[in-house]
């Protein structure tokens, strides 16, 4: 059974921050079996970072603004407390 974890955030992330987070999501022992992650988050320079992740592939890019950052992770046996720390 799949579950989703999500949060709204005003925290600012660089593209490198997001790339490191997405790389870490491959650790299924720590975070659970992540099948998909996506989001839009603010960057320190005033732009917005959009990201998409599926196992073995991720995409991080600049994109249009939103009113607040949003992150969604979908998978099986997700460790929500570790996801909160990772994106915290």
PDB file of N, CA and C in Angstrom:
ATOM      1  N   UNK A   1       0.838  -1.173   0.000  1.00  0.00           N
ATOM      2  CA  UNK A   1       0.000   0.000   0.000  1.00  0.00           C
ATOM      3  C   UNK A   1       0.890   1.246   0.000  1.00  0.00           C
ATOM      4  N   UNK A   2       0.537   2.190  -0.828  1.00  0.00           N
ATOM      5  CA  UNK A   2       1.311   3.425  -0.929  1.00  0.00           C
ATOM      6  C   UNK A   2       0.727   4.483  -0.005  1.00  0.00           C
ATOM      7  N   UNK A   3       1.624   5.299   0.534  1.00  0.00           N
ATOM      8  CA  UNK A   3       1.205   6.433   1.345  1.00  0.00           C
ATOM      9  C   UNK A   3       1.922   7.672   0.829  1.00  0.00           C
ATOM     10  N   UNK A   4       1.443   8.825   1.240  1.00  0.00           N
ATOM     11  CA  UNK A   4       2.119  10.060   0.848  1.00  0.00           C
ATOM     12  C   UNK A   4       2.422  10.880   2.092  1.00  0.00           C
ATOM     13  N   UNK A   5       3.510  11.610   2.009  1.00  0.00           N
ATOM     14  CA  UNK A   5       3.929  12.534   3.054  1.00  0.00           C
ATOM     15  C   UNK A   5       4.137  13.875   2.385  1.00  0.00           C
ATOM     16  N   UNK A   6       3.660  14.918   3.003  1.00  0.00           N
ATOM     17  CA  UNK A   6       3.842  16.229   2.402  1.00  0.00           C
ATOM     18  C   UNK A   6       3.914  17.316   3.444  1.00  0.00           C
ATOM     19  N   UNK A   7       4.403  18.449   3.001  1.00  0.00           N
ATOM     20  CA  UNK A   7       4.464  19.606   3.884  1.00  0.00           C
ATOM     21  C   UNK A   7       4.523  20.875   3.066  1.00  0.00           C
ATOM     22  N   UNK A   8       4.058  21.943   3.672  1.00  0.00           N
ATOM     23  CA  UNK A   8       4.249  23.282   3.133  1.00  0.00           C
ATOM     24  C   UNK A   8       5.400  23.889   3.907  1.00  0.00           C
ATOM     25  N   UNK A   9       6.213  24.673   3.222  1.00  0.00           N
ATOM     26  CA  UNK A   9       7.387  25.244   3.880  1.00  0.00           C
ATOM     27  C   UNK A   9       7.761  26.586   3.279  1.00  0.00           C
ATOM     28  N   UNK A  10       8.271  27.453   4.113  1.00  0.00           N
ATOM     29  CA  UNK A  10       8.833  28.728   3.658  1.00  0.00           C
ATOM     30  C   UNK A  10      10.359  28.654   3.636  1.00  0.00           C
ATOM     31  N   UNK A  11      10.918  27.501   4.060  1.00  0.00           N
ATOM     32  CA  UNK A  11      12.367  27.338   4.075  1.00  0.00           C
ATOM     33  C   UNK A  11      12.925  27.482   2.661  1.00  0.00           C
ATOM     34  N   UNK A  12      14.065  28.135   2.562  1.00  0.00           N
ATOM     35  CA  UNK A  12      14.708  28.354   1.260  1.00  0.00           C
ATOM     36  C   UNK A  12      15.750  27.270   1.004  1.00  0.00           C
ATOM     37  N   UNK A  13      15.768  26.746  -0.205  1.00  0.00           N
ATOM     38  CA  UNK A  13      16.691  25.697  -0.620  1.00  0.00           C
ATOM     39  C   UNK A  13      17.404  26.119  -1.900  1.00  0.00           C
ATOM     40  N   UNK A  14      18.678  25.804  -2.012  1.00  0.00           N
ATOM     41  CA  UNK A  14      19.375  25.988  -3.285  1.00  0.00           C
ATOM     42  C   UNK A  14      19.123  24.745  -4.138  1.00  0.00           C
ATOM     43  N   UNK A  15      19.444  24.830  -5.411  1.00  0.00           N
ATOM     44  CA  UNK A  15      19.316  23.643  -6.272  1.00  0.00           C
ATOM     45  C   UNK A  15      20.233  22.535  -5.765  1.00  0.00           C
ATOM     46  N   UNK A  16      21.426  22.892  -5.275  1.00  0.00           N
ATOM     47  CA  UNK A  16      22.337  21.884  -4.734  1.00  0.00           C
ATOM     48  C   UNK A  16      21.760  21.219  -3.483  1.00  0.00           C
ATOM     49  N   UNK A  17      21.069  21.996  -2.631  1.00  0.00           N
ATOM     50  CA  UNK A  17      20.407  21.412  -1.458  1.00  0.00           C
ATOM     51  C   UNK A  17      19.409  20.341  -1.898  1.00  0.00           C
ATOM     52  N   UNK A  18      18.585  20.675  -2.878  1.00  0.00           N
ATOM     53  CA  UNK A  18      17.551  19.748  -3.352  1.00  0.00           C
ATOM     54  C   UNK A  18      18.185  18.522  -4.000  1.00  0.00           C
ATOM     55  N   UNK A  19      19.245  18.710  -4.775  1.00  0.00           N
ATOM     56  CA  UNK A  19      19.920  17.564  -5.401  1.00  0.00           C
ATOM     57  C   UNK A  19      20.452  16.602  -4.339  1.00  0.00           C
ATOM     58  N   UNK A  20      21.019  17.135  -3.257  1.00  0.00           N
ATOM     59  CA  UNK A  20      21.533  16.291  -2.173  1.00  0.00           C
ATOM     60  C   UNK A  20      20.387  15.558  -1.469  1.00  0.00           C
ATOM     61  N   UNK A  21      19.278  16.230  -1.242  1.00  0.00           N
ATOM     62  CA  UNK A  21      18.112  15.606  -0.616  1.00  0.00           C
ATOM     63  C   UNK A  21      17.579  14.483  -1.494  1.00  0.00           C
ATOM     64  N   UNK A  22      17.438  14.744  -2.784  1.00  0.00           N
ATOM     65  CA  UNK A  22      16.909  13.724  -3.690  1.00  0.00           C
ATOM     66  C   UNK A  22      17.838  12.518  -3.768  1.00  0.00           C
ATOM     67  N   UNK A  23      19.134  12.760  -3.728  1.00  0.00           N
ATOM     68  CA  UNK A  23      20.091  11.660  -3.720  1.00  0.00           C
ATOM     69  C   UNK A  23      19.918  10.803  -2.465  1.00  0.00           C
ATOM     70  N   UNK A  24      19.682  11.457  -1.340  1.00  0.00           N
ATOM     71  CA  UNK A  24      19.504  10.741  -0.077  1.00  0.00           C
ATOM     72  C   UNK A  24      18.243   9.885  -0.072  1.00  0.00           C
ATOM     73  N   UNK A  25      17.214  10.277  -0.818  1.00  0.00           N
ATOM     74  CA  UNK A  25      15.954   9.530  -0.836  1.00  0.00           C
ATOM     75  C   UNK A  25      16.115   8.102  -1.350  1.00  0.00           C
ATOM     76  N   UNK A  26      17.217   7.804  -1.998  1.00  0.00           N
ATOM     77  CA  UNK A  26      17.462   6.445  -2.487  1.00  0.00           C
ATOM     78  C   UNK A  26      17.762   5.469  -1.349  1.00  0.00           C
ATOM     79  N   UNK A  27      18.019   5.978  -0.149  1.00  0.00           N
ATOM     80  CA  UNK A  27      18.314   5.136   1.011  1.00  0.00           C
ATOM     81  C   UNK A  27      17.004   4.600   1.584  1.00  0.00           C
ATOM     82  N   UNK A  28      16.543   3.481   1.052  1.00  0.00           N
ATOM     83  CA  UNK A  28      15.248   2.934   1.471  1.00  0.00           C
ATOM     84  C   UNK A  28      15.261   2.428   2.909  1.00  0.00           C
ATOM     85  N   UNK A  29      16.430   2.078   3.426  1.00  0.00           N
ATOM     86  CA  UNK A  29      16.526   1.650   4.823  1.00  0.00           C
ATOM     87  C   UNK A  29      16.158   2.801   5.768  1.00  0.00           C
ATOM     88  N   UNK A  30      16.556   4.010   5.396  1.00  0.00           N
ATOM     89  CA  UNK A  30      16.345   5.166   6.266  1.00  0.00           C
ATOM     90  C   UNK A  30      15.011   5.860   6.009  1.00  0.00           C
ATOM     91  N   UNK A  31      14.616   6.002   4.734  1.00  0.00           N
ATOM     92  CA  UNK A  31      13.447   6.817   4.396  1.00  0.00           C
ATOM     93  C   UNK A  31      12.238   6.021   3.927  1.00  0.00           C
ATOM     94  N   UNK A  32      12.393   4.728   3.693  1.00  0.00           N
ATOM     95  CA  UNK A  32      11.317   3.921   3.134  1.00  0.00           C
ATOM     96  C   UNK A  32      11.499   3.830   1.628  1.00  0.00           C
ATOM     97  N   UNK A  33      10.610   3.109   0.969  1.00  0.00           N
ATOM     98  CA  UNK A  33      10.682   2.928  -0.481  1.00  0.00           C
ATOM     99  C   UNK A  33       9.999   4.120  -1.163  1.00  0.00           C
ATOM    100  N   UNK A  34      10.803   5.094  -1.574  1.00  0.00           N
ATOM    101  CA  UNK A  34      10.270   6.300  -2.217  1.00  0.00           C
ATOM    102  C   UNK A  34      10.081   6.018  -3.702  1.00  0.00           C
ATOM    103  N   UNK A  35       8.845   6.161  -4.155  1.00  0.00           N
ATOM    104  CA  UNK A  35       8.531   5.937  -5.562  1.00  0.00           C
ATOM    105  C   UNK A  35       8.471   7.236  -6.351  1.00  0.00           C
ATOM    106  N   UNK A  36       8.142   8.329  -5.649  1.00  0.00           N
ATOM    107  CA  UNK A  36       8.047   9.614  -6.330  1.00  0.00           C
ATOM    108  C   UNK A  36       8.153  10.716  -5.291  1.00  0.00           C
ATOM    109  N   UNK A  37       8.814  11.790  -5.668  1.00  0.00           N
ATOM    110  CA  UNK A  37       8.849  12.999  -4.850  1.00  0.00           C
ATOM    111  C   UNK A  37       8.785  14.184  -5.806  1.00  0.00           C
ATOM    112  N   UNK A  38       8.103  15.217  -5.388  1.00  0.00           N
ATOM    113  CA  UNK A  38       8.030  16.412  -6.225  1.00  0.00           C
ATOM    114  C   UNK A  38       7.791  17.608  -5.331  1.00  0.00           C
ATOM    115  N   UNK A  39       8.109  18.767  -5.859  1.00  0.00           N
ATOM    116  CA  UNK A  39       7.882  19.954  -5.064  1.00  0.00           C
ATOM    117  C   UNK A  39       8.297  21.229  -5.750  1.00  0.00           C
ATOM    118  N   UNK A  40       7.909  22.302  -5.090  1.00  0.00           N
ATOM    119  CA  UNK A  40       8.264  23.664  -5.488  1.00  0.00           C
ATOM    120  C   UNK A  40       8.655  24.358  -4.188  1.00  0.00           C
ATOM    121  N   UNK A  41       9.888  24.872  -4.127  1.00  0.00           N
ATOM    122  CA  UNK A  41      10.362  25.522  -2.905  1.00  0.00           C
ATOM    123  C   UNK A  41      11.075  26.826  -3.253  1.00  0.00           C
ATOM    124  N   UNK A  42      11.046  27.809  -2.338  1.00  0.00           N
ATOM    125  CA  UNK A  42      11.753  29.054  -2.598  1.00  0.00           C
ATOM    126  C   UNK A  42      13.262  28.877  -2.494  1.00  0.00           C
ATOM    127  N   UNK A  43      13.981  29.682  -3.260  1.00  0.00           N
ATOM    128  CA  UNK A  43      15.451  29.694  -3.224  1.00  0.00           C
ATOM    129  C   UNK A  43      15.921  30.980  -2.544  1.00  0.00           C
ATOM    130  N   UNK A  44      17.128  30.982  -2.006  1.00  0.00           N
ATOM    131  CA  UNK A  44      17.645  32.168  -1.318  1.00  0.00           C
ATOM    132  C   UNK A  44      17.721  33.418  -2.208  1.00  0.00           C
ATOM    133  N   UNK A  45      17.872  33.224  -3.521  1.00  0.00           N
ATOM    134  CA  UNK A  45      18.020  34.378  -4.419  1.00  0.00           C
ATOM    135  C   UNK A  45      16.682  34.929  -4.919  1.00  0.00           C
ATOM    136  N   UNK A  46      15.562  34.428  -4.372  1.00  0.00           N
ATOM    137  CA  UNK A  46      14.253  34.944  -4.758  1.00  0.00           C
ATOM    138  C   UNK A  46      13.576  34.156  -5.873  1.00  0.00           C
ATOM    139  N   UNK A  47      14.301  33.216  -6.482  1.00  0.00           N
ATOM    140  CA  UNK A  47      13.691  32.370  -7.504  1.00  0.00           C
ATOM    141  C   UNK A  47      13.027  31.174  -6.811  1.00  0.00           C
ATOM    142  N   UNK A  48      12.496  30.259  -7.602  1.00  0.00           N
ATOM    143  CA  UNK A  48      11.864  29.059  -7.064  1.00  0.00           C
ATOM    144  C   UNK A  48      12.499  27.831  -7.692  1.00  0.00           C
ATOM    145  N   UNK A  49      12.671  26.794  -6.884  1.00  0.00           N
ATOM    146  CA  UNK A  49      13.256  25.539  -7.338  1.00  0.00           C
ATOM    147  C   UNK A  49      12.123  24.511  -7.466  1.00  0.00           C
ATOM    148  N   UNK A  50      12.001  23.926  -8.655  1.00  0.00           N
ATOM    149  CA  UNK A  50      11.036  22.858  -8.904  1.00  0.00           C
ATOM    150  C   UNK A  50      11.821  21.548  -8.979  1.00  0.00           C
ATOM    151  N   UNK A  51      11.257  20.472  -8.438  1.00  0.00           N
ATOM    152  CA  UNK A  51      11.951  19.193  -8.525  1.00  0.00           C
ATOM    153  C   UNK A  51      10.978  18.030  -8.692  1.00  0.00           C
ATOM    154  N   UNK A  52      11.493  16.991  -9.343  1.00  0.00           N
ATOM    155  CA  UNK A  52      10.784  15.724  -9.535  1.00  0.00           C
ATOM    156  C   UNK A  52      11.789  14.606  -9.316  1.00  0.00           C
ATOM    157  N   UNK A  53      11.351  13.551  -8.657  1.00  0.00           N
ATOM    158  CA  UNK A  53      12.215  12.411  -8.379  1.00  0.00           C
ATOM    159  C   UNK A  53      11.436  11.120  -8.577  1.00  0.00           C
ATOM    160  N   UNK A  54      12.038  10.187  -9.260  1.00  0.00           N
ATOM    161  CA  UNK A  54      11.623   8.789  -9.288  1.00  0.00           C
ATOM    162  C   UNK A  54      12.922   8.004  -9.136  1.00  0.00           C
ATOM    163  N   UNK A  55      12.862   6.746  -8.676  1.00  0.00           N
ATOM    164  CA  UNK A  55      14.114   6.000  -8.506  1.00  0.00           C
ATOM    165  C   UNK A  55      14.965   6.027  -9.781  1.00  0.00           C
ATOM    166  N   UNK A  56      16.232   6.277  -9.614  1.00  0.00           N
ATOM    167  CA  UNK A  56      17.214   6.315 -10.705  1.00  0.00           C
ATOM    168  C   UNK A  56      17.163   7.584 -11.557  1.00  0.00           C
ATOM    169  N   UNK A  57      16.260   8.520 -11.247  1.00  0.00           N
ATOM    170  CA  UNK A  57      16.173   9.728 -12.081  1.00  0.00           C
ATOM    171  C   UNK A  57      15.605  10.892 -11.266  1.00  0.00           C
ATOM    172  N   UNK A  58      16.218  12.062 -11.429  1.00  0.00           N
ATOM    173  CA  UNK A  58      15.672  13.259 -10.793  1.00  0.00           C
ATOM    174  C   UNK A  58      15.886  14.456 -11.703  1.00  0.00           C
ATOM    175  N   UNK A  59      15.056  15.464 -11.493  1.00  0.00           N
ATOM    176  CA  UNK A  59      15.116  16.686 -12.292  1.00  0.00           C
ATOM    177  C   UNK A  59      14.953  17.864 -11.337  1.00  0.00           C
ATOM    178  N   UNK A  60      15.912  18.784 -11.353  1.00  0.00           N
ATOM    179  CA  UNK A  60      15.876  19.983 -10.524  1.00  0.00           C
ATOM    180  C   UNK A  60      16.057  21.173 -11.455  1.00  0.00           C
ATOM    181  N   UNK A  61      15.156  22.144 -11.351  1.00  0.00           N
ATOM    182  CA  UNK A  61      15.193  23.278 -12.274  1.00  0.00           C
ATOM    183  C   UNK A  61      14.573  24.514 -11.613  1.00  0.00           C
ATOM    184  N   UNK A  62      14.826  25.672 -12.200  1.00  0.00           N
ATOM    185  CA  UNK A  62      14.160  26.895 -11.768  1.00  0.00           C
ATOM    186  C   UNK A  62      12.807  26.962 -12.449  1.00  0.00           C
ATOM    187  N   UNK A  63      11.847  27.575 -11.768  1.00  0.00           N
ATOM    188  CA  UNK A  63      10.517  27.659 -12.353  1.00  0.00           C
ATOM    189  C   UNK A  63       9.736  28.829 -11.793  1.00  0.00           C
ATOM    190  N   UNK A  64       8.479  28.851 -12.133  1.00  0.00           N
ATOM    191  CA  UNK A  64       7.609  29.946 -11.734  1.00  0.00           C
ATOM    192  C   UNK A  64       7.358  29.923 -10.227  1.00  0.00           C
ATOM    193  N   UNK A  65       6.988  31.070  -9.710  1.00  0.00           N
ATOM    194  CA  UNK A  65       6.782  31.232  -8.279  1.00  0.00           C
ATOM    195  C   UNK A  65       5.445  30.652  -7.838  1.00  0.00           C
ATOM    196  N   UNK A  66       5.366  30.367  -6.554  1.00  0.00           N
ATOM    197  CA  UNK A  66       4.128  29.933  -5.925  1.00  0.00           C
ATOM    198  C   UNK A  66       4.000  30.736  -4.633  1.00  0.00           C
ATOM    199  N   UNK A  67       2.903  30.593  -3.917  1.00  0.00           N
ATOM    200  CA  UNK A  67       2.719  31.380  -2.698  1.00  0.00           C
ATOM    201  C   UNK A  67       3.490  30.806  -1.508  1.00  0.00           C
ATOM    202  N   UNK A  68       3.766  29.502  -1.528  1.00  0.00           N
ATOM    203  CA  UNK A  68       4.563  28.874  -0.475  1.00  0.00           C
ATOM    204  C   UNK A  68       5.186  27.605  -1.037  1.00  0.00           C
ATOM    205  N   UNK A  69       6.243  27.135  -0.391  1.00  0.00           N
ATOM    206  CA  UNK A  69       6.879  25.905  -0.830  1.00  0.00           C
ATOM    207  C   UNK A  69       6.015  24.701  -0.508  1.00  0.00           C
ATOM    208  N   UNK A  70       6.032  23.718  -1.403  1.00  0.00           N
ATOM    209  CA  UNK A  70       5.266  22.489  -1.184  1.00  0.00           C
ATOM    210  C   UNK A  70       6.110  21.296  -1.589  1.00  0.00           C
ATOM    211  N   UNK A  71       6.066  20.265  -0.756  1.00  0.00           N
ATOM    212  CA  UNK A  71       6.841  19.049  -0.982  1.00  0.00           C
ATOM    213  C   UNK A  71       5.899  17.861  -0.809  1.00  0.00           C
ATOM    214  N   UNK A  72       6.017  16.872  -1.704  1.00  0.00           N
ATOM    215  CA  UNK A  72       5.213  15.669  -1.608  1.00  0.00           C
ATOM    216  C   UNK A  72       6.094  14.462  -1.913  1.00  0.00           C
ATOM    217  N   UNK A  73       6.025  13.447  -1.058  1.00  0.00           N
ATOM    218  CA  UNK A  73       6.765  12.199  -1.245  1.00  0.00           C
ATOM    219  C   UNK A  73       5.754  11.053  -1.208  1.00  0.00           C
ATOM    220  N   UNK A  74       5.826  10.174  -2.192  1.00  0.00           N
ATOM    221  CA  UNK A  74       4.915   9.039  -2.291  1.00  0.00           C
ATOM    222  C   UNK A  74       5.743   7.763  -2.271  1.00  0.00           C
ATOM    223  N   UNK A  75       5.293   6.782  -1.501  1.00  0.00           N
ATOM    224  CA  UNK A  75       6.032   5.528  -1.447  1.00  0.00           C
ATOM    225  C   UNK A  75       5.392   4.523  -0.518  1.00  0.00           C
ATOM    226  N   UNK A  76       6.193   3.577  -0.104  1.00  0.00           N
ATOM    227  CA  UNK A  76       5.744   2.493   0.757  1.00  0.00           C
ATOM    228  C   UNK A  76       6.610   2.472   2.016  1.00  0.00           C
ATOM    229  N   UNK A  77       5.983   2.293   3.158  1.00  0.00           N
ATOM    230  CA  UNK A  77       6.686   2.241   4.441  1.00  0.00           C
ATOM    231  C   UNK A  77       7.576   3.464   4.647  1.00  0.00           C
ATOM    232  N   UNK A  78       7.047   4.648   4.321  1.00  0.00           N
ATOM    233  CA  UNK A  78       7.815   5.884   4.474  1.00  0.00           C
ATOM    234  C   UNK A  78       8.079   6.170   5.951  1.00  0.00           C
ATOM    235  N   UNK A  79       9.287   6.602   6.237  1.00  0.00           N
ATOM    236  CA  UNK A  79       9.666   7.008   7.585  1.00  0.00           C
ATOM    237  C   UNK A  79       9.465   8.522   7.669  1.00  0.00           C
ATOM    238  N   UNK A  80       8.283   8.907   8.122  1.00  0.00           N
ATOM    239  CA  UNK A  80       7.903  10.315   8.097  1.00  0.00           C
ATOM    240  C   UNK A  80       8.800  11.202   8.980  1.00  0.00           C
ATOM    241  N   UNK A  81       9.248  10.689  10.101  1.00  0.00           N
ATOM    242  CA  UNK A  81      10.110  11.508  10.965  1.00  0.00           C
ATOM    243  C   UNK A  81      11.465  11.756  10.286  1.00  0.00           C
ATOM    244  N   UNK A  82      11.993  10.771   9.589  1.00  0.00           N
ATOM    245  CA  UNK A  82      13.265  10.985   8.877  1.00  0.00           C
ATOM    246  C   UNK A  82      13.072  11.907   7.681  1.00  0.00           C
ATOM    247  N   UNK A  83      11.938  11.811   6.997  1.00  0.00           N
ATOM    248  CA  UNK A  83      11.661  12.740   5.897  1.00  0.00           C
ATOM    249  C   UNK A  83      11.566  14.169   6.400  1.00  0.00           C
ATOM    250  N   UNK A  84      10.938  14.338   7.556  1.00  0.00           N
ATOM    251  CA  UNK A  84      10.830  15.674   8.156  1.00  0.00           C
ATOM    252  C   UNK A  84      12.225  16.230   8.454  1.00  0.00           C
ATOM    253  N   UNK A  85      13.106  15.403   8.993  1.00  0.00           N
ATOM    254  CA  UNK A  85      14.481  15.838   9.264  1.00  0.00           C
ATOM    255  C   UNK A  85      15.210  16.172   7.968  1.00  0.00           C
ATOM    256  N   UNK A  86      15.038  15.343   6.951  1.00  0.00           N
ATOM    257  CA  UNK A  86      15.743  15.552   5.693  1.00  0.00           C
ATOM    258  C   UNK A  86      15.342  16.869   5.033  1.00  0.00           C
ATOM    259  N   UNK A  87      14.061  17.166   5.030  1.00  0.00           N
ATOM    260  CA  UNK A  87      13.577  18.397   4.407  1.00  0.00           C
ATOM    261  C   UNK A  87      13.505  19.548   5.404  1.00  0.00           C
ATOM    262  N   UNK A  88      13.826  19.277   6.691  1.00  0.00           N
ATOM    263  CA  UNK A  88      13.718  20.288   7.733  1.00  0.00           C
ATOM    264  C   UNK A  88      14.751  21.325   7.614  1.00  0.00           C
TER     265      UNK A  88
END
